Amino acid sequence: MADRVLTNALALLATRVEDPKAHLVPSRPVEQGWQALVLHTEVYADLCSRMGGGFIHHSPLQTVPPQRLLTYTANRIAGCGHHIDYDLWQAEGSGEEQAGIDVASL
């Protein structure tokens, strides 16, 4: 599960760099993967630098985004050539996709 979440979080970040004007929002699991990256500040800063877009700031989700916005985001990421695990891009889910993820363990 952790590799799926991190892969999608990295794809989100890469798409933010490649398409900076697109309004992209993470799903809850993907946001948790992003938070796991941010916790490792030196690695995260280096990753952002290597992507070429400068430091990508993170603002935690306050609510679950509407499904239409998550679908738009997932499709934009896929449109940039990145693999998407669509099971992780659901506003309302069940099972592992929406379960709390211990970001420190990722």
C-alpha atoms as a PDB file:
ATOM      1  CA  MET A   1       0.000   0.000   0.000  1.00  0.00           C
ATOM      2  CA  ALA A   2       2.761   2.470   0.902  1.00  0.00           C
ATOM      3  CA  ASP A   3       4.404   2.164  -2.518  1.00  0.00           C
ATOM      4  CA  ARG A   4       1.070   2.874  -4.251  1.00  0.00           C
ATOM      5  CA  VAL A   5       0.464   5.948  -2.105  1.00  0.00           C
ATOM      6  CA  LEU A   6       3.986   7.331  -2.554  1.00  0.00           C
ATOM      7  CA  THR A   7       3.959   6.663  -6.311  1.00  0.00           C
ATOM      8  CA  ASN A   8       0.756   8.666  -6.648  1.00  0.00           C
ATOM      9  CA  ALA A   9       2.038  11.442  -4.374  1.00  0.00           C
ATOM     10  CA  LEU A  10       5.200  11.742  -6.493  1.00  0.00           C
ATOM     11  CA  ALA A  11       3.093  11.775  -9.666  1.00  0.00           C
ATOM     12  CA  LEU A  12       0.998  14.607  -8.190  1.00  0.00           C
ATOM     13  CA  LEU A  13       4.121  16.622  -7.380  1.00  0.00           C
ATOM     14  CA  ALA A  14       5.630  16.030 -10.825  1.00  0.00           C
ATOM     15  CA  THR A  15       2.393  17.156 -12.475  1.00  0.00           C
ATOM     16  CA  ARG A  16       2.334  20.311 -10.353  1.00  0.00           C
ATOM     17  CA  VAL A  17       5.753  21.140 -11.781  1.00  0.00           C
ATOM     18  CA  GLU A  18       4.823  20.180 -15.354  1.00  0.00           C
ATOM     19  CA  ASP A  19       1.435  21.948 -15.301  1.00  0.00           C
ATOM     20  CA  PRO A  20       1.678  24.670 -12.628  1.00  0.00           C
ATOM     21  CA  LYS A  21      -1.551  26.433 -13.636  1.00  0.00           C
ATOM     22  CA  ALA A  22      -3.712  23.326 -13.212  1.00  0.00           C
ATOM     23  CA  HIS A  23      -5.791  23.299 -10.039  1.00  0.00           C
ATOM     24  CA  LEU A  24      -4.740  19.950  -8.578  1.00  0.00           C
ATOM     25  CA  VAL A  25      -5.832  18.511  -5.246  1.00  0.00           C
ATOM     26  CA  PRO A  26      -4.794  15.256  -3.602  1.00  0.00           C
ATOM     27  CA  SER A  27      -7.126  12.588  -2.333  1.00  0.00           C
ATOM     28  CA  ARG A  28      -6.835  11.804   1.361  1.00  0.00           C
ATOM     29  CA  PRO A  29      -4.438   8.827   0.872  1.00  0.00           C
ATOM     30  CA  VAL A  30      -2.296  10.714  -1.638  1.00  0.00           C
ATOM     31  CA  GLU A  31      -2.122  13.714   0.682  1.00  0.00           C
ATOM     32  CA  GLN A  32      -0.903  11.418   3.438  1.00  0.00           C
ATOM     33  CA  GLY A  33       1.856  10.188   1.117  1.00  0.00           C
ATOM     34  CA  TRP A  34       2.777  13.807   0.376  1.00  0.00           C
ATOM     35  CA  GLN A  35       2.902  14.504   4.115  1.00  0.00           C
ATOM     36  CA  ALA A  36       5.250  11.551   4.562  1.00  0.00           C
ATOM     37  CA  LEU A  37       7.606  13.085   2.006  1.00  0.00           C
ATOM     38  CA  VAL A  38       7.445  16.498   3.665  1.00  0.00           C
ATOM     39  CA  LEU A  39       8.417  14.969   7.023  1.00  0.00           C
ATOM     40  CA  HIS A  40      11.829  14.201   5.530  1.00  0.00           C
ATOM     41  CA  THR A  41      12.571  17.865   4.843  1.00  0.00           C
ATOM     42  CA  GLU A  42      16.049  17.564   3.334  1.00  0.00           C
ATOM     43  CA  VAL A  43      15.033  14.736   1.022  1.00  0.00           C
ATOM     44  CA  TYR A  44      11.813  16.562   0.107  1.00  0.00           C
ATOM     45  CA  ALA A  45      13.605  19.847  -0.637  1.00  0.00           C
ATOM     46  CA  ASP A  46      16.131  17.973  -2.798  1.00  0.00           C
ATOM     47  CA  LEU A  47      13.307  16.169  -4.606  1.00  0.00           C
ATOM     48  CA  CYS A  48      11.532  19.457  -5.349  1.00  0.00           C
ATOM     49  CA  SER A  49      14.787  20.959  -6.602  1.00  0.00           C
ATOM     50  CA  ARG A  50      15.439  17.993  -8.896  1.00  0.00           C
ATOM     51  CA  MET A  51      11.930  18.268 -10.331  1.00  0.00           C
ATOM     52  CA  GLY A  52      12.802  21.801 -11.375  1.00  0.00           C
ATOM     53  CA  GLY A  53       9.819  23.593  -9.902  1.00  0.00           C
ATOM     54  CA  GLY A  54      11.262  24.916  -6.684  1.00  0.00           C
ATOM     55  CA  PHE A  55       9.915  24.000  -3.273  1.00  0.00           C
ATOM     56  CA  ILE A  56       6.315  22.755  -3.474  1.00  0.00           C
ATOM     57  CA  HIS A  57       4.472  23.897  -0.378  1.00  0.00           C
ATOM     58  CA  HIS A  58       1.870  21.703   1.259  1.00  0.00           C
ATOM     59  CA  SER A  59      -1.358  22.858   2.889  1.00  0.00           C
ATOM     60  CA  PRO A  60      -3.243  20.056   4.645  1.00  0.00           C
ATOM     61  CA  LEU A  61      -6.733  19.227   3.409  1.00  0.00           C
ATOM     62  CA  GLN A  62      -9.486  20.580   5.622  1.00  0.00           C
ATOM     63  CA  THR A  63     -12.228  18.510   3.974  1.00  0.00           C
ATOM     64  CA  VAL A  64     -12.412  15.702   1.451  1.00  0.00           C
ATOM     65  CA  PRO A  65     -12.424  17.309  -2.016  1.00  0.00           C
ATOM     66  CA  PRO A  66     -15.422  16.632  -4.287  1.00  0.00           C
ATOM     67  CA  GLN A  67     -15.077  13.593  -6.536  1.00  0.00           C
ATOM     68  CA  ARG A  68     -15.153  15.731  -9.701  1.00  0.00           C
ATOM     69  CA  LEU A  69     -12.030  17.577  -8.543  1.00  0.00           C
ATOM     70  CA  LEU A  70     -10.243  14.345  -7.627  1.00  0.00           C
ATOM     71  CA  THR A  71     -11.147  12.836 -11.006  1.00  0.00           C
ATOM     72  CA  TYR A  72      -9.891  15.970 -12.784  1.00  0.00           C
ATOM     73  CA  THR A  73      -6.618  15.796 -10.840  1.00  0.00           C
ATOM     74  CA  ALA A  74      -6.101  12.083 -11.513  1.00  0.00           C
ATOM     75  CA  ASN A  75      -6.820  12.583 -15.217  1.00  0.00           C
ATOM     76  CA  ARG A  76      -4.396  15.545 -15.456  1.00  0.00           C
ATOM     77  CA  ILE A  77      -1.686  13.428 -13.817  1.00  0.00           C
ATOM     78  CA  ALA A  78      -2.372  10.557 -16.220  1.00  0.00           C
ATOM     79  CA  GLY A  79      -2.408  13.059 -19.107  1.00  0.00           C
ATOM     80  CA  CYS A  80       1.130  14.056 -18.189  1.00  0.00           C
ATOM     81  CA  GLY A  81       2.155  10.420 -18.611  1.00  0.00           C
ATOM     82  CA  HIS A  82       2.235   9.322 -14.986  1.00  0.00           C
ATOM     83  CA  HIS A  83       0.725   6.081 -13.701  1.00  0.00           C
ATOM     84  CA  ILE A  84      -2.397   6.582 -11.623  1.00  0.00           C
ATOM     85  CA  ASP A  85      -3.889   4.144  -9.158  1.00  0.00           C
ATOM     86  CA  TYR A  86      -7.495   5.297  -9.525  1.00  0.00           C
ATOM     87  CA  ASP A  87      -8.512   3.369  -6.385  1.00  0.00           C
ATOM     88  CA  LEU A  88      -6.578   5.984  -4.394  1.00  0.00           C
ATOM     89  CA  TRP A  89      -8.470   8.883  -5.989  1.00  0.00           C
ATOM     90  CA  GLN A  90     -11.923   8.357  -4.482  1.00  0.00           C
ATOM     91  CA  ALA A  91     -13.644  10.987  -2.329  1.00  0.00           C
ATOM     92  CA  GLU A  92     -15.634   8.394  -0.444  1.00  0.00           C
ATOM     93  CA  GLY A  93     -14.073   4.992  -0.185  1.00  0.00           C
ATOM     94  CA  SER A  94     -13.847   1.958   1.929  1.00  0.00           C
ATOM     95  CA  GLY A  95     -11.166  -0.426   2.987  1.00  0.00           C
ATOM     96  CA  GLU A  96      -7.490   0.322   2.596  1.00  0.00           C
ATOM     97  CA  GLU A  97      -7.872   3.197   0.144  1.00  0.00           C
ATOM     98  CA  GLN A  98      -9.432   5.489   2.741  1.00  0.00           C
ATOM     99  CA  ALA A  99      -8.003   3.950   5.878  1.00  0.00           C
ATOM    100  CA  GLY A 100      -5.765   6.124   7.969  1.00  0.00           C
ATOM    101  CA  ILE A 101      -2.177   5.765   6.891  1.00  0.00           C
ATOM    102  CA  ASP A 102       0.634   6.195   9.378  1.00  0.00           C
ATOM    103  CA  VAL A 103       2.672   8.749   7.422  1.00  0.00           C
ATOM    104  CA  ALA A 104       5.699   8.256   9.613  1.00  0.00           C
ATOM    105  CA  SER A 105       5.895   4.632   8.465  1.00  0.00           C
ATOM    106  CA  LEU A 106       5.958   5.463   4.748  1.00  0.00           C
END
